[in-house]
C-alpha atoms as a PDB file:
ATOM      1  CA  MET A   1       0.000   0.000   0.000  1.00  0.00           C
ATOM      2  CA  GLU A   2       1.327   3.454  -0.956  1.00  0.00           C
ATOM      3  CA  SER A   3       1.754   6.020   1.886  1.00  0.00           C
ATOM      4  CA  LEU A   4      -0.150   9.293   1.615  1.00  0.00           C
ATOM      5  CA  SER A   5       2.893  11.472   2.342  1.00  0.00           C
ATOM      6  CA  GLY A   6       5.223   9.651  -0.014  1.00  0.00           C
ATOM      7  CA  ARG A   7       7.986   9.701   2.603  1.00  0.00           C
ATOM      8  CA  SER A   8       8.038   6.029   3.513  1.00  0.00           C
ATOM      9  CA  LYS A   9      11.195   3.979   3.087  1.00  0.00           C
ATOM     10  CA  GLN A  10      11.710   0.321   2.526  1.00  0.00           C
ATOM     11  CA  VAL A  11      13.566  -1.101   5.547  1.00  0.00           C
ATOM     12  CA  VAL A  12      16.288  -3.632   4.790  1.00  0.00           C
ATOM     13  CA  ASN A  13      17.723  -5.858   7.506  1.00  0.00           C
ATOM     14  CA  LYS A  14      21.331  -5.998   6.308  1.00  0.00           C
ATOM     15  CA  GLU A  15      24.064  -8.036   7.904  1.00  0.00           C
ATOM     16  CA  LEU A  16      26.637  -6.071  10.015  1.00  0.00           C
ATOM     17  CA  THR A  17      30.275  -6.212   9.025  1.00  0.00           C
ATOM     18  CA  PHE A  18      32.960  -7.374  11.460  1.00  0.00           C
ATOM     19  CA  LYS A  19      34.062  -3.766  12.093  1.00  0.00           C
ATOM     20  CA  GLU A  20      30.475  -2.752  12.903  1.00  0.00           C
ATOM     21  CA  ARG A  21      29.924  -5.769  15.177  1.00  0.00           C
ATOM     22  CA  ILE A  22      32.893  -5.033  17.472  1.00  0.00           C
ATOM     23  CA  TYR A  23      31.774  -1.366  17.915  1.00  0.00           C
ATOM     24  CA  LEU A  24      35.417  -0.243  18.160  1.00  0.00           C
ATOM     25  CA  PRO A  25      35.092   2.651  15.654  1.00  0.00           C
ATOM     26  CA  ALA A  26      31.984   3.910  17.475  1.00  0.00           C
ATOM     27  CA  ILE A  27      33.741   3.744  20.849  1.00  0.00           C
ATOM     28  CA  LEU A  28      36.803   5.568  19.507  1.00  0.00           C
ATOM     29  CA  GLY A  29      34.575   8.226  17.901  1.00  0.00           C
ATOM     30  CA  GLY A  30      32.797   8.806  21.220  1.00  0.00           C
ATOM     31  CA  MET A  31      36.084   9.045  23.094  1.00  0.00           C
ATOM     32  CA  TRP A  32      37.383  11.554  20.495  1.00  0.00           C
ATOM     33  CA  ILE A  33      34.327  13.803  21.062  1.00  0.00           C
ATOM     34  CA  THR A  34      34.814  13.564  24.828  1.00  0.00           C
ATOM     35  CA  LEU A  35      38.501  14.446  24.490  1.00  0.00           C
ATOM     36  CA  LYS A  36      37.683  17.494  22.305  1.00  0.00           C
ATOM     37  CA  HIS A  37      35.142  18.786  24.858  1.00  0.00           C
ATOM     38  CA  PHE A  38      37.608  18.238  27.691  1.00  0.00           C
ATOM     39  CA  PHE A  39      39.817  21.043  26.357  1.00  0.00           C
ATOM     40  CA  MET A  40      37.046  23.464  25.303  1.00  0.00           C
ATOM     41  CA  LYS A  41      36.171  26.609  27.251  1.00  0.00           C
ATOM     42  CA  LYS A  42      33.651  25.930  30.027  1.00  0.00           C
ATOM     43  CA  THR A  43      30.212  27.567  29.888  1.00  0.00           C
ATOM     44  CA  THR A  44      29.574  27.079  33.593  1.00  0.00           C
ATOM     45  CA  ILE A  45      28.683  30.230  35.550  1.00  0.00           C
ATOM     46  CA  LYS A  46      28.783  30.899  39.284  1.00  0.00           C
ATOM     47  CA  TYR A  47      25.045  31.101  39.957  1.00  0.00           C
ATOM     48  CA  PRO A  48      23.541  32.931  41.963  1.00  0.00           C
ATOM     49  CA  GLU A  49      26.378  35.473  42.162  1.00  0.00           C
ATOM     50  CA  VAL A  50      26.472  35.684  38.370  1.00  0.00           C
ATOM     51  CA  LYS A  51      23.234  35.336  36.430  1.00  0.00           C
ATOM     52  CA  ARG A  52      22.894  34.392  32.803  1.00  0.00           C
ATOM     53  CA  GLU A  53      21.290  36.965  30.527  1.00  0.00           C
ATOM     54  CA  PHE A  54      17.860  35.847  29.309  1.00  0.00           C
ATOM     55  CA  ALA A  55      16.702  36.134  25.721  1.00  0.00           C
ATOM     56  CA  GLU A  56      14.066  38.773  24.979  1.00  0.00           C
ATOM     57  CA  SER A  57      11.574  36.060  24.065  1.00  0.00           C
ATOM     58  CA  TYR A  58      11.973  34.282  27.435  1.00  0.00           C
ATOM     59  CA  ARG A  59       8.788  34.096  29.520  1.00  0.00           C
ATOM     60  CA  GLY A  60       9.339  33.984  33.265  1.00  0.00           C
ATOM     61  CA  LEU A  61       7.572  35.261  36.338  1.00  0.00           C
ATOM     62  CA  HIS A  62       4.112  36.851  35.949  1.00  0.00           C
ATOM     63  CA  VAL A  63       3.527  40.484  36.958  1.00  0.00           C
ATOM     64  CA  LEU A  64       0.249  42.376  37.324  1.00  0.00           C
ATOM     65  CA  LYS A  65       0.984  45.917  36.169  1.00  0.00           C
ATOM     66  CA  LYS A  66      -0.071  49.264  37.568  1.00  0.00           C
ATOM     67  CA  ASP A  67      -0.695  52.405  35.542  1.00  0.00           C
ATOM     68  CA  GLU A  68       1.267  55.642  35.822  1.00  0.00           C
ATOM     69  CA  ASN A  69      -0.956  56.776  38.738  1.00  0.00           C
ATOM     70  CA  GLY A  70      -0.283  53.602  40.744  1.00  0.00           C
ATOM     71  CA  ALA A  71      -3.722  52.042  40.153  1.00  0.00           C
ATOM     72  CA  GLU A  72      -4.093  48.404  39.124  1.00  0.00           C
ATOM     73  CA  ARG A  73      -4.783  47.956  35.428  1.00  0.00           C
ATOM     74  CA  CYS A  74      -6.713  44.677  35.729  1.00  0.00           C
ATOM     75  CA  THR A  75     -10.482  45.058  35.248  1.00  0.00           C
ATOM     76  CA  ALA A  76     -11.327  41.381  35.920  1.00  0.00           C
ATOM     77  CA  CYS A  77     -12.630  40.834  32.393  1.00  0.00           C
ATOM     78  CA  GLY A  78     -11.506  37.198  32.575  1.00  0.00           C
ATOM     79  CA  LEU A  79      -9.990  36.989  29.095  1.00  0.00           C
ATOM     80  CA  CYS A  80      -6.656  35.804  30.486  1.00  0.00           C
ATOM     81  CA  ALA A  81      -8.387  32.982  32.366  1.00  0.00           C
ATOM     82  CA  LEU A  82     -10.405  31.997  29.287  1.00  0.00           C
ATOM     83  CA  THR A  83      -7.380  31.846  26.986  1.00  0.00           C
ATOM     84  CA  CYS A  84      -5.189  29.935  29.443  1.00  0.00           C
ATOM     85  CA  PRO A  85      -4.892  26.406  27.973  1.00  0.00           C
ATOM     86  CA  ALA A  86      -3.793  24.984  31.330  1.00  0.00           C
ATOM     87  CA  GLU A  87      -6.631  26.707  33.251  1.00  0.00           C
ATOM     88  CA  ALA A  88      -4.078  28.042  35.717  1.00  0.00           C
ATOM     89  CA  ILE A  89      -5.675  31.481  36.256  1.00  0.00           C
ATOM     90  CA  THR A  90      -8.647  32.075  38.554  1.00  0.00           C
ATOM     91  CA  MET A  91     -10.165  35.384  39.539  1.00  0.00           C
ATOM     92  CA  THR A  92     -13.086  36.885  41.417  1.00  0.00           C
ATOM     93  CA  ALA A  93     -14.446  40.245  40.307  1.00  0.00           C
ATOM     94  CA  ALA A  94     -15.631  42.982  42.676  1.00  0.00           C
ATOM     95  CA  GLU A  95     -16.860  46.546  42.345  1.00  0.00           C
ATOM     96  CA  ARG A  96     -14.801  49.491  43.471  1.00  0.00           C
ATOM     97  CA  LYS A  97     -16.044  51.247  46.618  1.00  0.00           C
ATOM     98  CA  ASN A  98     -15.933  54.959  47.389  1.00  0.00           C
ATOM     99  CA  GLY A  99     -12.439  56.074  48.320  1.00  0.00           C
ATOM    100  CA  GLU A 100     -10.731  53.326  46.281  1.00  0.00           C
ATOM    101  CA  GLU A 101     -10.401  55.392  43.086  1.00  0.00           C
ATOM    102  CA  GLY A 102      -6.614  55.589  43.486  1.00  0.00           C
ATOM    103  CA  LEU A 103      -6.248  51.825  43.946  1.00  0.00           C
ATOM    104  CA  PHE A 104      -8.176  50.545  40.937  1.00  0.00           C
ATOM    105  CA  ARG A 105      -8.387  51.988  37.452  1.00  0.00           C
ATOM    106  CA  GLU A 106     -11.967  50.947  36.570  1.00  0.00           C
ATOM    107  CA  GLU A 107     -15.150  50.380  38.556  1.00  0.00           C
ATOM    108  CA  LYS A 108     -14.680  46.615  38.325  1.00  0.00           C
ATOM    109  CA  TYR A 109     -11.458  45.026  39.573  1.00  0.00           C
ATOM    110  CA  ALA A 110     -10.075  41.618  40.488  1.00  0.00           C
ATOM    111  CA  ALA A 111     -10.613  41.124  44.215  1.00  0.00           C
ATOM    112  CA  VAL A 112      -8.937  37.718  43.983  1.00  0.00           C
ATOM    113  CA  TYR A 113      -6.435  36.933  41.212  1.00  0.00           C
ATOM    114  CA  GLU A 114      -4.491  33.681  41.454  1.00  0.00           C
ATOM    115  CA  ILE A 115      -2.161  31.815  39.131  1.00  0.00           C
ATOM    116  CA  ASN A 116      -1.277  28.197  39.840  1.00  0.00           C
ATOM    117  CA  MET A 117       2.367  28.079  38.775  1.00  0.00           C
ATOM    118  CA  LEU A 118       2.386  24.276  38.821  1.00  0.00           C
ATOM    119  CA  ARG A 119      -0.217  24.265  36.050  1.00  0.00           C
ATOM    120  CA  CYS A 120       1.083  27.263  34.102  1.00  0.00           C
ATOM    121  CA  ILE A 121       2.926  26.373  30.891  1.00  0.00           C
ATOM    122  CA  PHE A 122       4.320  29.928  30.388  1.00  0.00           C
ATOM    123  CA  CYS A 123       2.836  30.197  26.905  1.00  0.00           C
ATOM    124  CA  GLY A 124       2.106  33.942  27.126  1.00  0.00           C
ATOM    125  CA  LEU A 125      -1.481  33.708  25.863  1.00  0.00           C
ATOM    126  CA  CYS A 126      -2.735  35.549  28.958  1.00  0.00           C
ATOM    127  CA  GLU A 127      -0.379  38.399  28.112  1.00  0.00           C
ATOM    128  CA  GLU A 128      -1.666  38.580  24.537  1.00  0.00           C
ATOM    129  CA  ALA A 129      -5.355  38.355  25.502  1.00  0.00           C
ATOM    130  CA  CYS A 130      -5.343  41.173  28.075  1.00  0.00           C
ATOM    131  CA  PRO A 131      -6.956  44.317  26.567  1.00  0.00           C
ATOM    132  CA  LYS A 132      -5.626  46.549  29.368  1.00  0.00           C
ATOM    133  CA  GLU A 133      -2.031  45.242  29.241  1.00  0.00           C
ATOM    134  CA  ALA A 134      -2.348  44.319  32.895  1.00  0.00           C
ATOM    135  CA  ILE A 135      -0.444  41.025  32.948  1.00  0.00           C
ATOM    136  CA  PHE A 136       3.081  40.444  31.669  1.00  0.00           C
ATOM    137  CA  LEU A 137       5.545  37.606  31.800  1.00  0.00           C
ATOM    138  CA  THR A 138       8.938  39.041  32.678  1.00  0.00           C
ATOM    139  CA  ASN A 139      12.069  37.942  30.910  1.00  0.00           C
ATOM    140  CA  GLU A 140      14.360  38.672  33.818  1.00  0.00           C
ATOM    141  CA  GLU A 141      13.208  36.402  36.650  1.00  0.00           C
ATOM    142  CA  LEU A 142      12.659  32.692  37.122  1.00  0.00           C
ATOM    143  CA  THR A 143       9.793  31.266  39.125  1.00  0.00           C
ATOM    144  CA  PRO A 144      11.423  30.375  42.453  1.00  0.00           C
ATOM    145  CA  ALA A 145      11.635  26.766  43.596  1.00  0.00           C
ATOM    146  CA  ASN A 146       9.833  25.613  46.713  1.00  0.00           C
ATOM    147  CA  TYR A 147       8.997  22.453  48.643  1.00  0.00           C
ATOM    148  CA  ASP A 148       5.351  23.243  49.466  1.00  0.00           C
ATOM    149  CA  ARG A 149       2.769  22.955  46.671  1.00  0.00           C
ATOM    150  CA  GLY A 150       0.614  25.662  48.260  1.00  0.00           C
ATOM    151  CA  ASP A 151       3.371  28.225  47.772  1.00  0.00           C
ATOM    152  CA  PHE A 152       3.069  27.847  43.999  1.00  0.00           C
ATOM    153  CA  ILE A 153      -0.370  29.453  43.933  1.00  0.00           C
ATOM    154  CA  TYR A 154       0.492  33.106  43.427  1.00  0.00           C
ATOM    155  CA  GLY A 155      -2.049  35.651  44.614  1.00  0.00           C
ATOM    156  CA  LYS A 156      -2.122  39.398  44.160  1.00  0.00           C
ATOM    157  CA  ASP A 157       0.367  39.767  47.017  1.00  0.00           C
ATOM    158  CA  LYS A 158       3.060  38.140  44.837  1.00  0.00           C
ATOM    159  CA  LEU A 159       1.844  39.254  41.403  1.00  0.00           C
ATOM    160  CA  VAL A 160       1.135  42.996  41.657  1.00  0.00           C
ATOM    161  CA  GLU A 161       4.193  45.146  41.061  1.00  0.00           C
ATOM    162  CA  PRO A 162       4.981  47.394  44.050  1.00  0.00           C
ATOM    163  CA  GLN A 163       5.014  50.595  41.991  1.00  0.00           C
ATOM    164  CA  HIS A 164       4.900  51.633  38.360  1.00  0.00           C
ATOM    165  CA  HIS A 165       8.321  51.900  36.697  1.00  0.00           C
ATOM    166  CA  PRO A 166       8.033  53.001  33.051  1.00  0.00           C
ATOM    167  CA  ILE A 167      11.804  53.306  32.565  1.00  0.00           C
ATOM    168  CA  GLY A 168      14.391  50.586  33.032  1.00  0.00           C
ATOM    169  CA  LYS A 169      12.187  47.569  32.368  1.00  0.00           C
ATOM    170  CA  ILE A 170      12.590  44.589  30.135  1.00  0.00           C
ATOM    171  CA  ARG A 171       9.264  43.623  28.557  1.00  0.00           C
ATOM    172  CA  GLY A 172       6.877  44.221  31.412  1.00  0.00           C
ATOM    173  CA  GLY A 173       8.970  43.268  34.418  1.00  0.00           C
ATOM    174  CA  GLY A 174       9.813  45.435  37.363  1.00  0.00           C
ATOM    175  CA  PRO A 175      12.834  47.708  37.478  1.00  0.00           C
ATOM    176  CA  LEU A 176      16.239  46.237  36.877  1.00  0.00           C
ATOM    177  CA  ASN A 177      18.446  46.194  39.930  1.00  0.00           C
ATOM    178  CA  GLN A 178      22.225  46.172  39.809  1.00  0.00           C
ATOM    179  CA  ARG A 179      22.909  42.636  38.635  1.00  0.00           C
ATOM    180  CA  ASN A 180      25.849  40.777  37.189  1.00  0.00           C
ATOM    181  CA  TYR A 181      25.086  38.909  33.992  1.00  0.00           C
ATOM    182  CA  HIS A 182      27.108  36.435  32.010  1.00  0.00           C
ATOM    183  CA  PRO A 183      26.267  37.301  28.393  1.00  0.00           C
ATOM    184  CA  TYR A 184      27.641  34.136  26.784  1.00  0.00           C
ATOM    185  CA  GLY A 185      31.365  34.554  27.118  1.00  0.00           C
ATOM    186  CA  LYS A 186      31.604  38.361  27.156  1.00  0.00           C
ATOM    187  CA  GLY A 187      32.578  38.561  30.816  1.00  0.00           C
ATOM    188  CA  LEU A 188      30.733  40.269  33.639  1.00  0.00           C
ATOM    189  CA  VAL A 189      28.465  43.156  32.763  1.00  0.00           C
ATOM    190  CA  THR A 190      26.740  45.374  35.328  1.00  0.00           C
ATOM    191  CA  LEU A 191      23.316  46.604  34.271  1.00  0.00           C
ATOM    192  CA  SER A 192      21.629  49.543  35.946  1.00  0.00           C
END
């Protein structure tokens, strides 16, 4: 029967030669590769004192943004939760009360906003779906490791940025602190 893709191959069970049966050329080839890598420059860095520079497309820790007045941008529309393929985002909407105009941008806000980091696949669809640009995945921080599963459910206490920083950010993250990076063999660089 002919395959639909036309990429099938006829498999032949050929007899191995003596050289192939003793595996000596394969062993010597593997040892040669190991010997070459033994004398190459090491790419190991001294983490956490020196941190590797992330690519701009890297998606790390989530951040709920504030506007220039310090009010939360999230209006609890739920689009981020609907687009999340892992169903990692849950939220509860509430209405703004009198005197809370400086805390929340719109009349409706997310009273409870949680992301289960154990379920999150860091795809960035929540970031793309948000009409208010309220949620971002930073490309400068990793999600920290922990031993307790309950600590991986991030609420607003861990997600909301402390204050709005329009300058000195990398794609939505908080401000860059003085850090040492290892930009792939270029030595230590201090960013401010």
